[in-house]
């Protein structure tokens, strides 16, 4: 008897990337793409409608707070295997999502073999089996340096460095290859962490704390941000 195919929902807000990923997966004889989503809200709805075996979930989509999205998805269907796809692998977020029950966390730079293997392993192995394709530093933390919730992530520093160049949210999104909604979410987090009241205030505070360099990359001969 022929084995049932692995039913997959692909969620990514970049249409071309999502379609390319679906085309790649359709080349596997035991995979079936049951639906595609471009936002977190749509992913949750389609997961409820189609009950896929595996969800490939882009980390930075509109209408999506990653931890909350994962919680809602697994509350809706505890058997769903969620594999996160991301360009970033910040330690705190990786650990949080793994603790919530995702079955894989893959950097988008991972190859086809890694992705295909992760999908199959999520089905064949037990619930404790997790596929990770991230930097080692994202899973390690120096024992003498507890995590500081006010520390800016690498991506948040990248966003703020571009904001310091007086770029708009749309321009920053274009530079980083993400959506404008993602940039707005990063800025909200930055404002909260730095207790900033405006973009220039956030830049000033980040410069003072050494998160980003002063304009021009040097502290000599450069006017203060204030």
C-alpha atoms as a PDB file:
ATOM      1  CA  UNK A   1       0.000   0.000   0.000  1.00  0.00           C
ATOM      2  CA  UNK A   2       1.307   3.444  -0.917  1.00  0.00           C
ATOM      3  CA  UNK A   3       2.310   5.556   2.076  1.00  0.00           C
ATOM      4  CA  UNK A   4       0.338   8.759   2.549  1.00  0.00           C
ATOM      5  CA  UNK A   5       2.268  11.872   1.489  1.00  0.00           C
ATOM      6  CA  UNK A   6       3.488  14.397   4.036  1.00  0.00           C
ATOM      7  CA  UNK A   7       1.017  17.277   3.857  1.00  0.00           C
ATOM      8  CA  UNK A   8       2.741  20.665   4.079  1.00  0.00           C
ATOM      9  CA  UNK A   9       1.579  24.246   4.615  1.00  0.00           C
ATOM     10  CA  UNK A  10       4.099  26.888   3.519  1.00  0.00           C
ATOM     11  CA  UNK A  11       3.889  30.322   5.182  1.00  0.00           C
ATOM     12  CA  UNK A  12       6.113  33.131   3.877  1.00  0.00           C
ATOM     13  CA  UNK A  13       5.152  36.702   2.990  1.00  0.00           C
ATOM     14  CA  UNK A  14       7.575  36.917   0.052  1.00  0.00           C
ATOM     15  CA  UNK A  15       5.520  35.548  -2.835  1.00  0.00           C
ATOM     16  CA  UNK A  16       8.423  34.632  -5.114  1.00  0.00           C
ATOM     17  CA  UNK A  17      10.308  32.855  -2.329  1.00  0.00           C
ATOM     18  CA  UNK A  18       7.175  31.029  -1.204  1.00  0.00           C
ATOM     19  CA  UNK A  19       6.386  29.857  -4.722  1.00  0.00           C
ATOM     20  CA  UNK A  20       9.990  28.762  -5.295  1.00  0.00           C
ATOM     21  CA  UNK A  21       9.938  26.818  -2.036  1.00  0.00           C
ATOM     22  CA  UNK A  22       6.681  25.124  -2.988  1.00  0.00           C
ATOM     23  CA  UNK A  23       8.078  24.178  -6.403  1.00  0.00           C
ATOM     24  CA  UNK A  24      11.151  22.699  -4.722  1.00  0.00           C
ATOM     25  CA  UNK A  25       9.087  20.626  -2.303  1.00  0.00           C
ATOM     26  CA  UNK A  26       6.723  19.397  -5.016  1.00  0.00           C
ATOM     27  CA  UNK A  27       9.749  17.690  -6.536  1.00  0.00           C
ATOM     28  CA  UNK A  28       9.750  15.241  -3.623  1.00  0.00           C
ATOM     29  CA  UNK A  29       7.442  12.269  -4.302  1.00  0.00           C
ATOM     30  CA  UNK A  30       6.298  11.978  -0.685  1.00  0.00           C
ATOM     31  CA  UNK A  31       5.448  15.673  -0.188  1.00  0.00           C
ATOM     32  CA  UNK A  32       2.131  17.407  -0.874  1.00  0.00           C
ATOM     33  CA  UNK A  33       1.622  21.187  -0.605  1.00  0.00           C
ATOM     34  CA  UNK A  34      -1.877  21.666   0.797  1.00  0.00           C
ATOM     35  CA  UNK A  35      -1.891  25.466   1.173  1.00  0.00           C
ATOM     36  CA  UNK A  36       0.182  28.661   1.143  1.00  0.00           C
ATOM     37  CA  UNK A  37      -0.025  31.640   3.502  1.00  0.00           C
ATOM     38  CA  UNK A  38       1.402  35.148   3.386  1.00  0.00           C
ATOM     39  CA  UNK A  39       0.600  36.338   6.931  1.00  0.00           C
ATOM     40  CA  UNK A  40       0.594  34.863  10.407  1.00  0.00           C
ATOM     41  CA  UNK A  41      -3.176  35.182  10.703  1.00  0.00           C
ATOM     42  CA  UNK A  42      -3.699  33.359   7.412  1.00  0.00           C
ATOM     43  CA  UNK A  43      -1.274  30.622   8.456  1.00  0.00           C
ATOM     44  CA  UNK A  44      -3.278  29.969  11.621  1.00  0.00           C
ATOM     45  CA  UNK A  45      -6.559  29.891   9.697  1.00  0.00           C
ATOM     46  CA  UNK A  46      -5.283  27.594   6.944  1.00  0.00           C
ATOM     47  CA  UNK A  47      -3.638  25.274   9.457  1.00  0.00           C
ATOM     48  CA  UNK A  48      -7.041  24.872  11.089  1.00  0.00           C
ATOM     49  CA  UNK A  49      -8.785  24.271   7.774  1.00  0.00           C
ATOM     50  CA  UNK A  50      -6.300  21.882   6.164  1.00  0.00           C
ATOM     51  CA  UNK A  51      -4.718  20.190   9.192  1.00  0.00           C
ATOM     52  CA  UNK A  52      -1.286  19.776   7.552  1.00  0.00           C
ATOM     53  CA  UNK A  53       1.336  17.452   8.976  1.00  0.00           C
ATOM     54  CA  UNK A  54       4.066  20.080   8.730  1.00  0.00           C
ATOM     55  CA  UNK A  55       4.060  23.884   8.705  1.00  0.00           C
ATOM     56  CA  UNK A  56       7.053  25.757   7.303  1.00  0.00           C
ATOM     57  CA  UNK A  57       6.771  29.110   9.059  1.00  0.00           C
ATOM     58  CA  UNK A  58       8.716  32.210   8.050  1.00  0.00           C
ATOM     59  CA  UNK A  59       9.745  34.090  11.174  1.00  0.00           C
ATOM     60  CA  UNK A  60       9.147  37.605   9.884  1.00  0.00           C
ATOM     61  CA  UNK A  61       5.664  37.864   8.428  1.00  0.00           C
ATOM     62  CA  UNK A  62       2.969  40.512   8.807  1.00  0.00           C
ATOM     63  CA  UNK A  63       0.356  39.835  11.486  1.00  0.00           C
ATOM     64  CA  UNK A  64       2.717  37.531  13.327  1.00  0.00           C
ATOM     65  CA  UNK A  65       4.373  37.596  16.717  1.00  0.00           C
ATOM     66  CA  UNK A  66       6.440  34.397  16.444  1.00  0.00           C
ATOM     67  CA  UNK A  67       6.015  33.012  19.985  1.00  0.00           C
ATOM     68  CA  UNK A  68       2.309  33.851  20.107  1.00  0.00           C
ATOM     69  CA  UNK A  69       1.742  32.446  16.616  1.00  0.00           C
ATOM     70  CA  UNK A  70       3.424  29.168  17.604  1.00  0.00           C
ATOM     71  CA  UNK A  71       1.346  28.975  20.791  1.00  0.00           C
ATOM     72  CA  UNK A  72      -1.903  29.488  18.883  1.00  0.00           C
ATOM     73  CA  UNK A  73      -0.974  26.977  16.195  1.00  0.00           C
ATOM     74  CA  UNK A  74      -0.102  24.237  18.684  1.00  0.00           C
ATOM     75  CA  UNK A  75      -3.135  24.979  20.843  1.00  0.00           C
ATOM     76  CA  UNK A  76      -5.237  24.526  17.712  1.00  0.00           C
ATOM     77  CA  UNK A  77      -3.447  21.325  16.655  1.00  0.00           C
ATOM     78  CA  UNK A  78      -0.928  19.804  19.112  1.00  0.00           C
ATOM     79  CA  UNK A  79       0.194  17.269  16.482  1.00  0.00           C
ATOM     80  CA  UNK A  80       1.344  19.954  14.023  1.00  0.00           C
ATOM     81  CA  UNK A  81       5.069  19.867  13.280  1.00  0.00           C
ATOM     82  CA  UNK A  82       6.284  23.462  12.973  1.00  0.00           C
ATOM     83  CA  UNK A  83       9.607  24.172  11.289  1.00  0.00           C
ATOM     84  CA  UNK A  84      10.774  27.782  11.517  1.00  0.00           C
ATOM     85  CA  UNK A  85      12.529  29.365   8.530  1.00  0.00           C
ATOM     86  CA  UNK A  86      14.513  32.523   9.225  1.00  0.00           C
ATOM     87  CA  UNK A  87      17.449  34.636   8.130  1.00  0.00           C
ATOM     88  CA  UNK A  88      18.302  35.207  11.793  1.00  0.00           C
ATOM     89  CA  UNK A  89      19.075  32.943  14.714  1.00  0.00           C
ATOM     90  CA  UNK A  90      19.189  35.086  17.819  1.00  0.00           C
ATOM     91  CA  UNK A  91      19.829  32.961  20.887  1.00  0.00           C
ATOM     92  CA  UNK A  92      16.878  34.078  22.970  1.00  0.00           C
ATOM     93  CA  UNK A  93      14.277  33.586  20.243  1.00  0.00           C
ATOM     94  CA  UNK A  94      15.635  30.205  19.110  1.00  0.00           C
ATOM     95  CA  UNK A  95      15.536  28.886  22.652  1.00  0.00           C
ATOM     96  CA  UNK A  96      12.072  30.300  23.287  1.00  0.00           C
ATOM     97  CA  UNK A  97      10.561  28.764  20.156  1.00  0.00           C
ATOM     98  CA  UNK A  98      12.213  25.400  20.781  1.00  0.00           C
ATOM     99  CA  UNK A  99      10.822  25.420  24.315  1.00  0.00           C
ATOM    100  CA  UNK A 100       7.346  26.124  22.900  1.00  0.00           C
ATOM    101  CA  UNK A 101       7.521  22.980  20.782  1.00  0.00           C
ATOM    102  CA  UNK A 102       8.739  23.797  17.270  1.00  0.00           C
ATOM    103  CA  UNK A 103      10.277  20.774  15.570  1.00  0.00           C
ATOM    104  CA  UNK A 104      12.911  22.619  13.595  1.00  0.00           C
ATOM    105  CA  UNK A 105      14.646  25.986  13.246  1.00  0.00           C
ATOM    106  CA  UNK A 106      16.421  26.431   9.933  1.00  0.00           C
ATOM    107  CA  UNK A 107      18.384  29.364   8.639  1.00  0.00           C
ATOM    108  CA  UNK A 108      17.165  30.255   5.140  1.00  0.00           C
ATOM    109  CA  UNK A 109      20.712  29.735   3.956  1.00  0.00           C
ATOM    110  CA  UNK A 110      20.349  26.005   4.627  1.00  0.00           C
ATOM    111  CA  UNK A 111      20.419  23.748   1.574  1.00  0.00           C
ATOM    112  CA  UNK A 112      17.643  21.703   0.022  1.00  0.00           C
ATOM    113  CA  UNK A 113      18.874  18.475   1.608  1.00  0.00           C
ATOM    114  CA  UNK A 114      18.741  20.014   5.092  1.00  0.00           C
ATOM    115  CA  UNK A 115      15.179  21.243   4.602  1.00  0.00           C
ATOM    116  CA  UNK A 116      13.886  18.010   3.096  1.00  0.00           C
ATOM    117  CA  UNK A 117      15.574  15.969   5.823  1.00  0.00           C
ATOM    118  CA  UNK A 118      14.116  18.210   8.537  1.00  0.00           C
ATOM    119  CA  UNK A 119      10.596  17.694   7.194  1.00  0.00           C
ATOM    120  CA  UNK A 120      10.964  13.924   7.028  1.00  0.00           C
ATOM    121  CA  UNK A 121      12.625  13.731  10.433  1.00  0.00           C
ATOM    122  CA  UNK A 122       9.802  15.716  12.010  1.00  0.00           C
ATOM    123  CA  UNK A 123       7.445  12.954  10.870  1.00  0.00           C
ATOM    124  CA  UNK A 124       9.616   9.911  11.536  1.00  0.00           C
ATOM    125  CA  UNK A 125      11.328  10.795  14.810  1.00  0.00           C
ATOM    126  CA  UNK A 126       9.809  11.256  18.237  1.00  0.00           C
ATOM    127  CA  UNK A 127       8.584  14.599  19.597  1.00  0.00           C
ATOM    128  CA  UNK A 128      11.933  15.261  21.284  1.00  0.00           C
ATOM    129  CA  UNK A 129      13.794  15.221  17.952  1.00  0.00           C
ATOM    130  CA  UNK A 130      14.532  18.760  16.771  1.00  0.00           C
ATOM    131  CA  UNK A 131      16.414  19.815  13.642  1.00  0.00           C
ATOM    132  CA  UNK A 132      18.502  22.955  14.056  1.00  0.00           C
ATOM    133  CA  UNK A 133      20.480  24.736  11.366  1.00  0.00           C
ATOM    134  CA  UNK A 134      21.694  27.791  13.265  1.00  0.00           C
ATOM    135  CA  UNK A 135      24.959  29.233  14.490  1.00  0.00           C
ATOM    136  CA  UNK A 136      26.426  27.601  17.572  1.00  0.00           C
ATOM    137  CA  UNK A 137      26.408  30.948  19.372  1.00  0.00           C
ATOM    138  CA  UNK A 138      22.612  31.048  19.176  1.00  0.00           C
ATOM    139  CA  UNK A 139      22.447  28.012  21.458  1.00  0.00           C
ATOM    140  CA  UNK A 140      25.217  28.994  23.851  1.00  0.00           C
ATOM    141  CA  UNK A 141      25.348  31.613  26.540  1.00  0.00           C
ATOM    142  CA  UNK A 142      28.231  32.471  28.756  1.00  0.00           C
ATOM    143  CA  UNK A 143      27.460  31.329  32.274  1.00  0.00           C
ATOM    144  CA  UNK A 144      28.695  34.591  33.759  1.00  0.00           C
ATOM    145  CA  UNK A 145      26.509  36.738  31.506  1.00  0.00           C
ATOM    146  CA  UNK A 146      22.770  36.185  32.053  1.00  0.00           C
ATOM    147  CA  UNK A 147      20.490  37.289  29.232  1.00  0.00           C
ATOM    148  CA  UNK A 148      19.579  40.976  29.391  1.00  0.00           C
ATOM    149  CA  UNK A 149      16.083  41.648  28.015  1.00  0.00           C
ATOM    150  CA  UNK A 150      17.074  45.256  27.255  1.00  0.00           C
ATOM    151  CA  UNK A 151      19.899  44.220  24.920  1.00  0.00           C
ATOM    152  CA  UNK A 152      19.270  44.869  21.241  1.00  0.00           C
ATOM    153  CA  UNK A 153      19.446  41.859  18.943  1.00  0.00           C
ATOM    154  CA  UNK A 154      21.723  41.824  15.915  1.00  0.00           C
ATOM    155  CA  UNK A 155      18.775  42.529  13.616  1.00  0.00           C
ATOM    156  CA  UNK A 156      17.537  45.386  15.797  1.00  0.00           C
ATOM    157  CA  UNK A 157      20.980  46.979  15.630  1.00  0.00           C
ATOM    158  CA  UNK A 158      20.970  46.612  11.849  1.00  0.00           C
ATOM    159  CA  UNK A 159      17.578  48.301  11.657  1.00  0.00           C
ATOM    160  CA  UNK A 160      18.612  51.144  13.927  1.00  0.00           C
ATOM    161  CA  UNK A 161      21.879  51.706  12.053  1.00  0.00           C
ATOM    162  CA  UNK A 162      19.864  52.256   8.874  1.00  0.00           C
ATOM    163  CA  UNK A 163      17.392  54.491  10.700  1.00  0.00           C
ATOM    164  CA  UNK A 164      20.427  56.531  11.770  1.00  0.00           C
ATOM    165  CA  UNK A 165      21.094  57.139   8.068  1.00  0.00           C
ATOM    166  CA  UNK A 166      17.689  58.868   7.913  1.00  0.00           C
ATOM    167  CA  UNK A 167      16.119  56.068   5.867  1.00  0.00           C
ATOM    168  CA  UNK A 168      12.358  55.562   5.959  1.00  0.00           C
ATOM    169  CA  UNK A 169      10.781  52.301   7.131  1.00  0.00           C
ATOM    170  CA  UNK A 170      10.171  51.360   3.503  1.00  0.00           C
ATOM    171  CA  UNK A 171      13.805  52.026   2.589  1.00  0.00           C
ATOM    172  CA  UNK A 172      15.090  50.058   5.580  1.00  0.00           C
ATOM    173  CA  UNK A 173      12.819  47.155   4.632  1.00  0.00           C
ATOM    174  CA  UNK A 174      14.175  47.240   1.085  1.00  0.00           C
ATOM    175  CA  UNK A 175      17.772  47.207   2.289  1.00  0.00           C
ATOM    176  CA  UNK A 176      17.175  44.231   4.582  1.00  0.00           C
ATOM    177  CA  UNK A 177      14.855  42.309   2.271  1.00  0.00           C
ATOM    178  CA  UNK A 178      11.912  42.196   4.681  1.00  0.00           C
ATOM    179  CA  UNK A 179       8.477  43.804   4.833  1.00  0.00           C
ATOM    180  CA  UNK A 180       7.752  47.275   6.163  1.00  0.00           C
ATOM    181  CA  UNK A 181       5.540  45.681   8.829  1.00  0.00           C
ATOM    182  CA  UNK A 182       8.555  43.731  10.079  1.00  0.00           C
ATOM    183  CA  UNK A 183      10.585  46.933  10.401  1.00  0.00           C
ATOM    184  CA  UNK A 184       7.775  48.581  12.366  1.00  0.00           C
ATOM    185  CA  UNK A 185       7.719  45.601  14.729  1.00  0.00           C
ATOM    186  CA  UNK A 186      11.473  45.833  15.237  1.00  0.00           C
ATOM    187  CA  UNK A 187      11.201  49.552  15.969  1.00  0.00           C
ATOM    188  CA  UNK A 188       8.473  48.971  18.551  1.00  0.00           C
ATOM    189  CA  UNK A 189      10.736  46.471  20.298  1.00  0.00           C
ATOM    190  CA  UNK A 190      13.686  48.870  20.088  1.00  0.00           C
ATOM    191  CA  UNK A 191      11.679  51.755  21.566  1.00  0.00           C
ATOM    192  CA  UNK A 192      10.574  49.526  24.442  1.00  0.00           C
ATOM    193  CA  UNK A 193      14.057  48.198  25.180  1.00  0.00           C
ATOM    194  CA  UNK A 194      15.722  51.623  25.030  1.00  0.00           C
ATOM    195  CA  UNK A 195      12.778  53.476  26.596  1.00  0.00           C
ATOM    196  CA  UNK A 196      12.942  55.815  23.614  1.00  0.00           C
ATOM    197  CA  UNK A 197      10.183  58.208  22.588  1.00  0.00           C
ATOM    198  CA  UNK A 198      11.223  58.801  18.974  1.00  0.00           C
ATOM    199  CA  UNK A 199      13.489  57.509  16.232  1.00  0.00           C
ATOM    200  CA  UNK A 200      16.214  60.074  16.920  1.00  0.00           C
ATOM    201  CA  UNK A 201      15.953  59.386  20.659  1.00  0.00           C
ATOM    202  CA  UNK A 202      16.421  55.672  19.979  1.00  0.00           C
ATOM    203  CA  UNK A 203      19.466  56.390  17.809  1.00  0.00           C
ATOM    204  CA  UNK A 204      20.976  58.662  20.473  1.00  0.00           C
ATOM    205  CA  UNK A 205      20.494  56.065  23.194  1.00  0.00           C
ATOM    206  CA  UNK A 206      21.879  53.274  21.006  1.00  0.00           C
ATOM    207  CA  UNK A 207      24.986  55.329  20.203  1.00  0.00           C
ATOM    208  CA  UNK A 208      25.515  56.102  23.891  1.00  0.00           C
ATOM    209  CA  UNK A 209      25.307  52.399  24.781  1.00  0.00           C
ATOM    210  CA  UNK A 210      27.608  51.364  21.965  1.00  0.00           C
ATOM    211  CA  UNK A 211      24.999  49.386  20.014  1.00  0.00           C
ATOM    212  CA  UNK A 212      25.651  51.335  16.821  1.00  0.00           C
ATOM    213  CA  UNK A 213      28.502  53.650  15.770  1.00  0.00           C
ATOM    214  CA  UNK A 214      28.111  57.376  15.494  1.00  0.00           C
ATOM    215  CA  UNK A 215      27.269  58.638  12.025  1.00  0.00           C
ATOM    216  CA  UNK A 216      30.308  58.143   9.833  1.00  0.00           C
ATOM    217  CA  UNK A 217      31.553  55.249  11.988  1.00  0.00           C
ATOM    218  CA  UNK A 218      33.825  57.416  14.144  1.00  0.00           C
ATOM    219  CA  UNK A 219      33.437  59.458  17.290  1.00  0.00           C
ATOM    220  CA  UNK A 220      35.930  62.064  16.064  1.00  0.00           C
ATOM    221  CA  UNK A 221      34.736  65.072  14.128  1.00  0.00           C
ATOM    222  CA  UNK A 222      31.150  63.866  14.042  1.00  0.00           C
ATOM    223  CA  UNK A 223      28.351  66.019  15.462  1.00  0.00           C
ATOM    224  CA  UNK A 224      26.409  64.607  18.396  1.00  0.00           C
ATOM    225  CA  UNK A 225      23.022  63.077  17.621  1.00  0.00           C
ATOM    226  CA  UNK A 226      21.452  65.337  20.219  1.00  0.00           C
END
